[in-house]
C-alpha atoms as a PDB file:
ATOM      1  CA  UNK A   1      19.404 -14.807   4.013  1.00  0.00           C
ATOM      2  CA  UNK A   2      21.630 -17.756   3.114  1.00  0.00           C
ATOM      3  CA  UNK A   3      19.484 -18.719   0.164  1.00  0.00           C
ATOM      4  CA  UNK A   4      21.040 -18.076  -3.260  1.00  0.00           C
ATOM      5  CA  UNK A   5      17.510 -17.561  -4.685  1.00  0.00           C
ATOM      6  CA  UNK A   6      16.742 -14.929  -2.114  1.00  0.00           C
ATOM      7  CA  UNK A   7      20.162 -13.219  -2.501  1.00  0.00           C
ATOM      8  CA  UNK A   8      19.410 -12.955  -6.315  1.00  0.00           C
ATOM      9  CA  UNK A   9      15.997 -11.519  -5.552  1.00  0.00           C
ATOM     10  CA  UNK A  10      17.632  -8.876  -3.316  1.00  0.00           C
ATOM     11  CA  UNK A  11      20.144  -7.913  -5.975  1.00  0.00           C
ATOM     12  CA  UNK A  12      17.438  -7.771  -8.608  1.00  0.00           C
ATOM     13  CA  UNK A  13      15.256  -5.581  -6.262  1.00  0.00           C
ATOM     14  CA  UNK A  14      18.114  -3.138  -5.867  1.00  0.00           C
ATOM     15  CA  UNK A  15      18.450  -2.959  -9.614  1.00  0.00           C
ATOM     16  CA  UNK A  16      14.657  -2.501 -10.124  1.00  0.00           C
ATOM     17  CA  UNK A  17      14.705   0.310  -7.578  1.00  0.00           C
ATOM     18  CA  UNK A  18      16.784   2.292 -10.100  1.00  0.00           C
ATOM     19  CA  UNK A  19      13.927   2.100 -12.614  1.00  0.00           C
ATOM     20  CA  UNK A  20      10.476   3.760 -12.730  1.00  0.00           C
ATOM     21  CA  UNK A  21       8.781   0.411 -13.409  1.00  0.00           C
ATOM     22  CA  UNK A  22       6.222  -0.868 -10.943  1.00  0.00           C
ATOM     23  CA  UNK A  23       7.151  -4.013  -9.000  1.00  0.00           C
ATOM     24  CA  UNK A  24       4.938  -7.037  -8.270  1.00  0.00           C
ATOM     25  CA  UNK A  25       5.817  -9.509  -5.513  1.00  0.00           C
ATOM     26  CA  UNK A  26       4.146 -12.802  -5.639  1.00  0.00           C
ATOM     27  CA  UNK A  27       4.359 -15.634  -3.070  1.00  0.00           C
ATOM     28  CA  UNK A  28       2.702 -17.468  -0.273  1.00  0.00           C
ATOM     29  CA  UNK A  29       1.663 -15.728   2.883  1.00  0.00           C
ATOM     30  CA  UNK A  30       4.660 -15.301   5.351  1.00  0.00           C
ATOM     31  CA  UNK A  31       7.446 -15.218   2.683  1.00  0.00           C
ATOM     32  CA  UNK A  32       8.357 -11.598   3.643  1.00  0.00           C
ATOM     33  CA  UNK A  33       6.870  -9.624   0.829  1.00  0.00           C
ATOM     34  CA  UNK A  34       6.227  -6.693   3.113  1.00  0.00           C
ATOM     35  CA  UNK A  35       9.886  -6.701   4.198  1.00  0.00           C
ATOM     36  CA  UNK A  36      11.055  -6.895   0.573  1.00  0.00           C
ATOM     37  CA  UNK A  37       8.843  -3.953  -0.328  1.00  0.00           C
ATOM     38  CA  UNK A  38      10.485  -1.857   2.376  1.00  0.00           C
ATOM     39  CA  UNK A  39      13.918  -3.045   1.186  1.00  0.00           C
ATOM     40  CA  UNK A  40      12.961  -1.920  -2.346  1.00  0.00           C
ATOM     41  CA  UNK A  41      11.815   1.521  -1.126  1.00  0.00           C
ATOM     42  CA  UNK A  42      15.082   2.050   0.783  1.00  0.00           C
ATOM     43  CA  UNK A  43      17.054   1.313  -2.330  1.00  0.00           C
ATOM     44  CA  UNK A  44      15.069   3.709  -4.533  1.00  0.00           C
ATOM     45  CA  UNK A  45      16.704   6.548  -2.768  1.00  0.00           C
ATOM     46  CA  UNK A  46      13.369   8.501  -2.796  1.00  0.00           C
ATOM     47  CA  UNK A  47      13.033  11.014  -0.039  1.00  0.00           C
ATOM     48  CA  UNK A  48       9.325  10.555   0.440  1.00  0.00           C
ATOM     49  CA  UNK A  49       7.645   7.992   2.737  1.00  0.00           C
ATOM     50  CA  UNK A  50       6.998   4.248   2.395  1.00  0.00           C
ATOM     51  CA  UNK A  51       3.181   4.039   2.673  1.00  0.00           C
ATOM     52  CA  UNK A  52       1.730   0.569   2.939  1.00  0.00           C
ATOM     53  CA  UNK A  53      -1.955  -0.243   2.567  1.00  0.00           C
ATOM     54  CA  UNK A  54      -3.551  -3.712   3.029  1.00  0.00           C
ATOM     55  CA  UNK A  55      -6.095  -3.886   0.264  1.00  0.00           C
ATOM     56  CA  UNK A  56      -7.924  -6.662   2.121  1.00  0.00           C
ATOM     57  CA  UNK A  57      -8.433  -4.507   5.169  1.00  0.00           C
ATOM     58  CA  UNK A  58     -10.788  -1.866   3.566  1.00  0.00           C
ATOM     59  CA  UNK A  59     -14.282  -2.200   2.196  1.00  0.00           C
ATOM     60  CA  UNK A  60     -14.852  -0.320  -1.077  1.00  0.00           C
ATOM     61  CA  UNK A  61     -16.792   2.480   0.623  1.00  0.00           C
ATOM     62  CA  UNK A  62     -13.894   3.202   3.012  1.00  0.00           C
ATOM     63  CA  UNK A  63     -11.010   2.418   0.642  1.00  0.00           C
ATOM     64  CA  UNK A  64     -11.770   5.373  -1.682  1.00  0.00           C
ATOM     65  CA  UNK A  65     -11.699   7.974   1.063  1.00  0.00           C
ATOM     66  CA  UNK A  66      -8.637   6.392   2.595  1.00  0.00           C
ATOM     67  CA  UNK A  67      -6.688   6.259  -0.733  1.00  0.00           C
ATOM     68  CA  UNK A  68      -7.753   9.612  -2.187  1.00  0.00           C
ATOM     69  CA  UNK A  69      -8.670  11.663   0.845  1.00  0.00           C
ATOM     70  CA  UNK A  70     -11.514  14.108   0.867  1.00  0.00           C
ATOM     71  CA  UNK A  71     -12.512  17.755   1.226  1.00  0.00           C
ATOM     72  CA  UNK A  72     -14.481  19.157   4.160  1.00  0.00           C
ATOM     73  CA  UNK A  73     -18.215  18.698   3.411  1.00  0.00           C
ATOM     74  CA  UNK A  74     -17.650  15.944   0.702  1.00  0.00           C
ATOM     75  CA  UNK A  75     -20.009  13.618   2.736  1.00  0.00           C
ATOM     76  CA  UNK A  76     -21.647  13.434   6.146  1.00  0.00           C
ATOM     77  CA  UNK A  77     -18.939  13.302   8.687  1.00  0.00           C
ATOM     78  CA  UNK A  78     -16.257  15.009   6.498  1.00  0.00           C
ATOM     79  CA  UNK A  79     -15.673  17.862   9.024  1.00  0.00           C
ATOM     80  CA  UNK A  80     -12.120  18.665   7.835  1.00  0.00           C
ATOM     81  CA  UNK A  81      -9.971  18.080   4.738  1.00  0.00           C
ATOM     82  CA  UNK A  82      -8.031  14.838   4.834  1.00  0.00           C
ATOM     83  CA  UNK A  83      -5.020  13.817   2.786  1.00  0.00           C
ATOM     84  CA  UNK A  84      -5.352  10.220   1.370  1.00  0.00           C
ATOM     85  CA  UNK A  85      -2.700   7.613   1.642  1.00  0.00           C
ATOM     86  CA  UNK A  86      -1.611   8.354  -1.931  1.00  0.00           C
ATOM     87  CA  UNK A  87      -0.940  11.960  -1.004  1.00  0.00           C
ATOM     88  CA  UNK A  88       1.239  10.782   1.880  1.00  0.00           C
ATOM     89  CA  UNK A  89       3.294   8.684  -0.483  1.00  0.00           C
ATOM     90  CA  UNK A  90       4.048  11.597  -2.768  1.00  0.00           C
ATOM     91  CA  UNK A  91       7.783  11.510  -3.473  1.00  0.00           C
ATOM     92  CA  UNK A  92       8.018   7.965  -2.057  1.00  0.00           C
ATOM     93  CA  UNK A  93       6.678   4.408  -2.479  1.00  0.00           C
ATOM     94  CA  UNK A  94       3.151   3.176  -2.198  1.00  0.00           C
ATOM     95  CA  UNK A  95       2.861  -0.456  -1.202  1.00  0.00           C
ATOM     96  CA  UNK A  96      -0.279  -2.299  -2.219  1.00  0.00           C
ATOM     97  CA  UNK A  97      -0.326  -5.405  -0.070  1.00  0.00           C
ATOM     98  CA  UNK A  98      -2.834  -8.132  -0.939  1.00  0.00           C
ATOM     99  CA  UNK A  99      -3.688  -6.474  -4.245  1.00  0.00           C
ATOM    100  CA  UNK A 100      -5.568  -9.582  -5.356  1.00  0.00           C
ATOM    101  CA  UNK A 101      -8.258  -8.792  -2.722  1.00  0.00           C
ATOM    102  CA  UNK A 102      -9.181  -5.434  -4.289  1.00  0.00           C
ATOM    103  CA  UNK A 103     -12.653  -5.275  -5.842  1.00  0.00           C
ATOM    104  CA  UNK A 104     -13.007  -4.550  -9.500  1.00  0.00           C
ATOM    105  CA  UNK A 105     -14.523  -1.221  -8.823  1.00  0.00           C
ATOM    106  CA  UNK A 106     -11.564  -0.201  -6.718  1.00  0.00           C
ATOM    107  CA  UNK A 107      -9.159  -1.666  -9.326  1.00  0.00           C
ATOM    108  CA  UNK A 108     -10.518   0.759 -11.924  1.00  0.00           C
ATOM    109  CA  UNK A 109      -9.989   3.742  -9.639  1.00  0.00           C
ATOM    110  CA  UNK A 110      -6.458   2.704  -8.813  1.00  0.00           C
ATOM    111  CA  UNK A 111      -5.707   2.013 -12.457  1.00  0.00           C
ATOM    112  CA  UNK A 112      -6.445   5.680 -13.286  1.00  0.00           C
ATOM    113  CA  UNK A 113      -3.997   6.909 -10.624  1.00  0.00           C
ATOM    114  CA  UNK A 114      -1.215   4.553 -11.821  1.00  0.00           C
ATOM    115  CA  UNK A 115      -1.762   5.594 -15.492  1.00  0.00           C
ATOM    116  CA  UNK A 116      -1.979   9.274 -14.943  1.00  0.00           C
ATOM    117  CA  UNK A 117      -0.040   9.882 -11.751  1.00  0.00           C
ATOM    118  CA  UNK A 118      -2.882  12.145 -10.760  1.00  0.00           C
ATOM    119  CA  UNK A 119      -5.555  11.979  -8.050  1.00  0.00           C
ATOM    120  CA  UNK A 120      -8.542  13.855  -6.871  1.00  0.00           C
ATOM    121  CA  UNK A 121      -9.874  14.026  -3.408  1.00  0.00           C
ATOM    122  CA  UNK A 122     -13.482  13.226  -2.881  1.00  0.00           C
ATOM    123  CA  UNK A 123     -15.490  16.420  -3.074  1.00  0.00           C
ATOM    124  CA  UNK A 124     -12.726  18.274  -5.035  1.00  0.00           C
ATOM    125  CA  UNK A 125     -12.831  19.450  -8.573  1.00  0.00           C
ATOM    126  CA  UNK A 126      -9.066  19.740  -9.184  1.00  0.00           C
ATOM    127  CA  UNK A 127      -6.691  16.925  -9.711  1.00  0.00           C
ATOM    128  CA  UNK A 128      -3.241  16.834  -8.206  1.00  0.00           C
ATOM    129  CA  UNK A 129      -0.071  15.440  -9.766  1.00  0.00           C
ATOM    130  CA  UNK A 130       1.699  12.866  -7.658  1.00  0.00           C
ATOM    131  CA  UNK A 131       5.219  11.344  -7.803  1.00  0.00           C
ATOM    132  CA  UNK A 132       4.724   7.847  -6.561  1.00  0.00           C
ATOM    133  CA  UNK A 133       6.587   4.552  -7.001  1.00  0.00           C
ATOM    134  CA  UNK A 134       4.234   1.625  -6.931  1.00  0.00           C
ATOM    135  CA  UNK A 135       5.040  -1.837  -5.488  1.00  0.00           C
ATOM    136  CA  UNK A 136       2.313  -4.468  -5.035  1.00  0.00           C
ATOM    137  CA  UNK A 137       2.198  -7.815  -3.388  1.00  0.00           C
ATOM    138  CA  UNK A 138      -0.129 -10.862  -3.542  1.00  0.00           C
ATOM    139  CA  UNK A 139      -0.473 -14.512  -2.503  1.00  0.00           C
ATOM    140  CA  UNK A 140      -3.109 -14.902  -5.249  1.00  0.00           C
ATOM    141  CA  UNK A 141      -2.676 -16.153  -8.749  1.00  0.00           C
ATOM    142  CA  UNK A 142      -3.276 -12.861 -10.501  1.00  0.00           C
ATOM    143  CA  UNK A 143      -2.930 -14.371 -14.049  1.00  0.00           C
ATOM    144  CA  UNK A 144      -5.559 -16.918 -13.179  1.00  0.00           C
ATOM    145  CA  UNK A 145      -7.812 -14.189 -11.739  1.00  0.00           C
ATOM    146  CA  UNK A 146      -7.356 -12.138 -14.991  1.00  0.00           C
ATOM    147  CA  UNK A 147      -8.396 -15.244 -16.956  1.00  0.00           C
ATOM    148  CA  UNK A 148     -11.462 -15.588 -14.702  1.00  0.00           C
ATOM    149  CA  UNK A 149     -12.433 -11.967 -14.972  1.00  0.00           C
ATOM    150  CA  UNK A 150     -11.765 -11.288 -11.228  1.00  0.00           C
ATOM    151  CA  UNK A 151      -8.836  -8.989 -11.796  1.00  0.00           C
ATOM    152  CA  UNK A 152      -8.422  -6.321 -14.446  1.00  0.00           C
ATOM    153  CA  UNK A 153      -5.957  -7.325 -17.193  1.00  0.00           C
ATOM    154  CA  UNK A 154      -4.924  -3.682 -17.662  1.00  0.00           C
ATOM    155  CA  UNK A 155      -4.179  -3.165 -13.949  1.00  0.00           C
ATOM    156  CA  UNK A 156      -2.249  -6.401 -13.908  1.00  0.00           C
ATOM    157  CA  UNK A 157      -0.006  -5.276 -16.750  1.00  0.00           C
ATOM    158  CA  UNK A 158       0.450  -1.882 -15.150  1.00  0.00           C
ATOM    159  CA  UNK A 159       1.501  -3.456 -11.794  1.00  0.00           C
ATOM    160  CA  UNK A 160       3.688  -6.213 -13.106  1.00  0.00           C
ATOM    161  CA  UNK A 161       6.462  -4.121 -14.781  1.00  0.00           C
ATOM    162  CA  UNK A 162       8.918  -6.304 -12.940  1.00  0.00           C
ATOM    163  CA  UNK A 163       7.569  -9.466 -11.203  1.00  0.00           C
ATOM    164  CA  UNK A 164       9.339 -11.394  -8.441  1.00  0.00           C
ATOM    165  CA  UNK A 165       8.203 -14.802  -7.191  1.00  0.00           C
ATOM    166  CA  UNK A 166       9.238 -15.205  -3.608  1.00  0.00           C
ATOM    167  CA  UNK A 167      10.004 -18.814  -2.646  1.00  0.00           C
ATOM    168  CA  UNK A 168       8.341 -20.274   0.484  1.00  0.00           C
ATOM    169  CA  UNK A 169      10.559 -21.133   3.500  1.00  0.00           C
ATOM    170  CA  UNK A 170      10.122 -24.792   2.604  1.00  0.00           C
ATOM    171  CA  UNK A 171      12.003 -24.009  -0.657  1.00  0.00           C
ATOM    172  CA  UNK A 172      14.831 -22.297   1.157  1.00  0.00           C
ATOM    173  CA  UNK A 173      15.582 -24.327   4.382  1.00  0.00           C
ATOM    174  CA  UNK A 174      18.968 -22.777   4.699  1.00  0.00           C
ATOM    175  CA  UNK A 175      17.257 -19.646   6.039  1.00  0.00           C
ATOM    176  CA  UNK A 176      15.587 -21.485   8.934  1.00  0.00           C
ATOM    177  CA  UNK A 177      18.629 -21.333  11.314  1.00  0.00           C
ATOM    178  CA  UNK A 178      19.100 -17.633  10.489  1.00  0.00           C
ATOM    179  CA  UNK A 179      15.495 -16.798  11.220  1.00  0.00           C
ATOM    180  CA  UNK A 180      15.452 -19.028  14.393  1.00  0.00           C
ATOM    181  CA  UNK A 181      18.535 -17.217  15.705  1.00  0.00           C
ATOM    182  CA  UNK A 182      16.982 -13.889  14.905  1.00  0.00           C
ATOM    183  CA  UNK A 183      13.678 -14.587  16.704  1.00  0.00           C
ATOM    184  CA  UNK A 184      15.401 -16.196  19.728  1.00  0.00           C
ATOM    185  CA  UNK A 185      17.621 -13.072  20.057  1.00  0.00           C
ATOM    186  CA  UNK A 186      14.409 -10.951  19.983  1.00  0.00           C
END
């Protein structure tokens, strides 16, 4: 980037990576929030994986089994134990992309994990402790959604430990030649 605003965001993300606070990336679609989330993970120095999940891609019924995993026999078709995405992120970073698309029911379940750093697979009686760093991204106005009752206030405050607003490319035209050269080279 040649943008001073983006250079400051990169510097601040490196600093945020040294804390345990969750990070929220806000901005229009296409501003590179997913790349910034990966950049953040790299600078945390955590040995675990970077696990992204697109919250808009899963219906509630599927999201729970994908996030938390399940034990064999928990439901029809659960023929083997399965780790959830949260388990895969243990020791690493869990990226919640499009967090504004998550239903209120799923928001409540996610809030519990963020608050307690514990999870329980479907069909299991025991909880497991997890060591996860959370980063979320949205192109929605979460504060407006909170005011309208469409996003949980408590989850918003848990996710927005440090919030970054990513400017659109129209706000940083000095990056256009760099991006153009990159994509032409590819």
